[in-house]
Protein backbone atom coordinates (compact mmCIF):
# COMPACT_ATOMS: atom_id res chain seq x y z
CA UNK A 1 -7.13 -15.89 30.67
CA UNK A 2 -7.41 -12.15 31.16
CA UNK A 3 -11.08 -11.21 30.57
CA UNK A 4 -10.28 -7.77 29.20
CA UNK A 5 -7.95 -9.17 26.56
CA UNK A 6 -10.45 -11.91 25.69
CA UNK A 7 -13.09 -9.26 24.98
CA UNK A 8 -10.52 -7.22 23.06
CA UNK A 9 -9.81 -10.18 20.82
CA UNK A 10 -13.51 -10.73 20.11
CA UNK A 11 -14.10 -7.08 19.29
CA UNK A 12 -11.09 -6.81 17.01
CA UNK A 13 -12.04 -10.03 15.23
CA UNK A 14 -15.50 -8.56 14.63
CA UNK A 15 -13.96 -5.39 13.18
CA UNK A 16 -11.71 -7.42 10.88
CA UNK A 17 -14.67 -9.51 9.74
CA UNK A 18 -16.61 -6.35 8.90
CA UNK A 19 -13.58 -5.11 6.92
CA UNK A 20 -13.44 -8.41 5.02
CA UNK A 21 -17.18 -8.30 4.24
CA UNK A 22 -16.97 -4.79 2.83
CA UNK A 23 -13.88 -5.62 0.75
CA UNK A 24 -15.59 -8.76 -0.55
CA UNK A 25 -18.56 -6.60 -1.49
CA UNK A 26 -16.23 -4.23 -3.34
CA UNK A 27 -14.50 -7.10 -5.11
CA UNK A 28 -17.85 -8.28 -6.44
CA UNK A 29 -18.77 -4.95 -7.99
CA UNK A 30 -18.25 -4.56 -11.73
CA UNK A 31 -16.71 -1.13 -11.52
CA UNK A 32 -14.44 0.48 -14.09
CA UNK A 33 -13.23 3.89 -15.09
CA UNK A 34 -16.13 4.01 -17.57
CA UNK A 35 -18.85 3.27 -14.99
CA UNK A 36 -21.69 5.78 -15.15
CA UNK A 37 -24.24 3.98 -12.95
CA UNK A 38 -24.62 6.38 -10.00
CA UNK A 39 -26.01 3.63 -7.75
CA UNK A 40 -23.04 1.35 -8.42
CA UNK A 41 -20.60 4.21 -7.83
CA UNK A 42 -22.34 5.12 -4.58
CA UNK A 43 -22.39 1.49 -3.43
CA UNK A 44 -18.66 1.20 -4.06
CA UNK A 45 -17.99 4.45 -2.19
CA UNK A 46 -20.04 3.37 0.83
CA UNK A 47 -18.39 -0.07 0.93
CA UNK A 48 -14.92 1.49 0.73
CA UNK A 49 -15.79 3.98 3.47
CA UNK A 50 -17.22 1.26 5.72
CA UNK A 51 -14.26 -1.05 5.09
CA UNK A 52 -11.82 1.57 6.32
CA UNK A 53 -14.02 2.51 9.28
CA UNK A 54 -14.13 -1.16 10.34
CA UNK A 55 -10.39 -1.67 10.26
CA UNK A 56 -9.80 1.71 11.89
CA UNK A 57 -12.11 0.63 14.73
CA UNK A 58 -9.95 -2.46 15.23
CA UNK A 59 -6.79 -0.37 15.29
CA UNK A 60 -8.35 2.10 17.74
CA UNK A 61 -9.32 -0.76 20.08
CA UNK A 62 -5.74 -2.00 20.09
CA UNK A 63 -4.42 1.50 20.73
CA UNK A 64 -6.87 2.01 23.61
CA UNK A 65 -5.94 -1.23 25.33
CA UNK A 66 -2.24 -0.40 25.23
CA UNK A 67 -2.62 3.30 26.00
CA UNK A 68 -1.19 4.39 22.65
CA UNK A 69 -4.26 6.10 21.21
CA UNK A 70 -3.23 9.20 19.28
CA UNK A 71 -4.98 12.53 19.62
CA UNK A 72 -5.11 15.78 17.76
CA UNK A 73 -6.29 16.84 14.35
CA UNK A 74 -4.38 14.13 12.48
CA UNK A 75 -5.20 11.26 14.84
CA UNK A 76 -6.62 9.06 12.04
CA UNK A 77 -3.38 9.15 10.06
CA UNK A 78 -1.29 8.86 13.21
CA UNK A 79 -3.26 5.80 14.30
CA UNK A 80 -2.61 4.12 10.96
CA UNK A 81 1.08 5.02 10.93
CA UNK A 82 1.71 3.87 14.52
CA UNK A 83 -0.02 0.53 13.91
CA UNK A 84 2.91 -0.30 11.62
CA UNK A 85 5.36 0.37 14.46
CA UNK A 86 6.39 -1.90 17.27
CA UNK A 87 6.08 -0.26 20.66
CA UNK A 88 8.98 -1.95 22.46
CA UNK A 89 7.97 -3.63 25.69
CA UNK A 90 4.30 -2.98 25.00
CA UNK A 91 3.05 -4.47 21.73
CA UNK A 92 4.30 -5.65 18.34
CA UNK A 93 3.57 -3.83 15.11
CA UNK A 94 -0.03 -4.56 14.19
CA UNK A 95 0.32 -3.93 10.46
CA UNK A 96 3.21 -4.55 8.13
CA UNK A 97 4.66 -1.41 6.59
CA UNK A 98 3.75 -2.63 3.08
CA UNK A 99 0.02 -2.35 3.88
CA UNK A 100 0.18 1.27 5.01
CA UNK A 101 0.34 3.07 1.61
CA UNK A 102 -2.85 1.38 0.37
CA UNK A 103 -4.63 1.93 3.67
CA UNK A 104 -3.47 5.56 3.68
CA UNK A 105 -5.10 6.07 0.27
CA UNK A 106 -8.32 4.49 1.49
CA UNK A 107 -8.22 6.70 4.59
CA UNK A 108 -7.79 9.71 2.34
CA UNK A 109 -10.89 8.66 0.41
CA UNK A 110 -12.78 8.15 3.66
CA UNK A 111 -12.07 11.77 4.63
CA UNK A 112 -13.08 12.98 1.15
CA UNK A 113 -16.28 10.91 1.22
CA UNK A 114 -17.34 12.31 4.57
CA UNK A 115 -16.74 15.94 3.63
CA UNK A 116 -17.23 16.30 -0.14
CA UNK A 117 -20.99 16.74 -0.30
CA UNK A 118 -21.04 18.69 -3.54
CA UNK A 119 -18.34 16.84 -5.46
CA UNK A 120 -19.19 13.98 -7.80
CA UNK A 121 -17.61 10.63 -7.06
CA UNK A 122 -14.95 9.72 -9.59
CA UNK A 123 -15.32 6.17 -10.98
CA UNK A 124 -11.66 6.15 -12.04
CA UNK A 125 -10.52 6.86 -8.48
CA UNK A 126 -13.05 4.44 -7.00
CA UNK A 127 -11.98 1.67 -9.35
CA UNK A 128 -8.34 2.21 -8.43
CA UNK A 129 -9.13 2.30 -4.71
CA UNK A 130 -11.25 -0.83 -4.99
CA UNK A 131 -8.30 -2.64 -6.58
CA UNK A 132 -5.97 -1.42 -3.83
CA UNK A 133 -8.42 -2.47 -1.12
CA UNK A 134 -8.76 -5.94 -2.61
CA UNK A 135 -4.97 -6.24 -2.88
CA UNK A 136 -4.29 -5.14 0.71
CA UNK A 137 -7.05 -7.30 2.23
CA UNK A 138 -4.96 -10.51 2.64
CA UNK A 139 -2.10 -8.61 4.27
CA UNK A 140 -4.40 -6.89 6.75
CA UNK A 141 -6.21 -10.11 7.61
CA UNK A 142 -2.93 -11.97 8.10
CA UNK A 143 -1.52 -9.16 10.24
CA UNK A 144 -4.58 -9.10 12.49
CA UNK A 145 -4.53 -12.91 12.76
CA UNK A 146 -0.93 -12.64 13.93
CA UNK A 147 -1.97 -9.97 16.45
CA UNK A 148 -4.77 -12.23 17.67
CA UNK A 149 -2.30 -15.06 18.31
CA UNK A 150 -0.08 -12.64 20.22
CA UNK A 151 -3.03 -11.36 22.28
CA UNK A 152 -4.06 -14.93 23.03
CA UNK A 153 -0.59 -15.73 24.34
CA UNK A 154 -0.55 -12.49 26.34
CA UNK A 155 -3.99 -13.20 27.83
CA UNK A 156 -2.97 -16.74 28.79
CA UNK A 157 0.15 -15.45 30.52
CA UNK A 158 -1.73 -12.96 32.71
């Protein structure tokens, strides 16, 4: 087995597990549009941010290994979009296209969360994003499990 790909698989699995943990944390929060508890709202925002960062780290690792890492000002969005594309002769699509809209919304929140220091967090938006994150979780996990099987076969062949 190719050592580099074996390490890649371990690292990506760790990223996916971190994503799952943060989404599970979000799923357990009693959050609604009427939530006024600032600590609960902040906890949801941090979990959502960390969930996206974890899955983005997994996508970035895959892109690095295959030399398809995007650059430029919009590299975060480009990374997400290209993970839903097969790169013929190089790698399969990592994510199904159906997962991208929800992940794009979570990415958008991640950018907002990092830069909106003086803006109050909106419980309506957070509640909606939490629901989207919980809904997309099984697709993302299944897609990365499929990638892991492909990487295992690739590593065994080299």
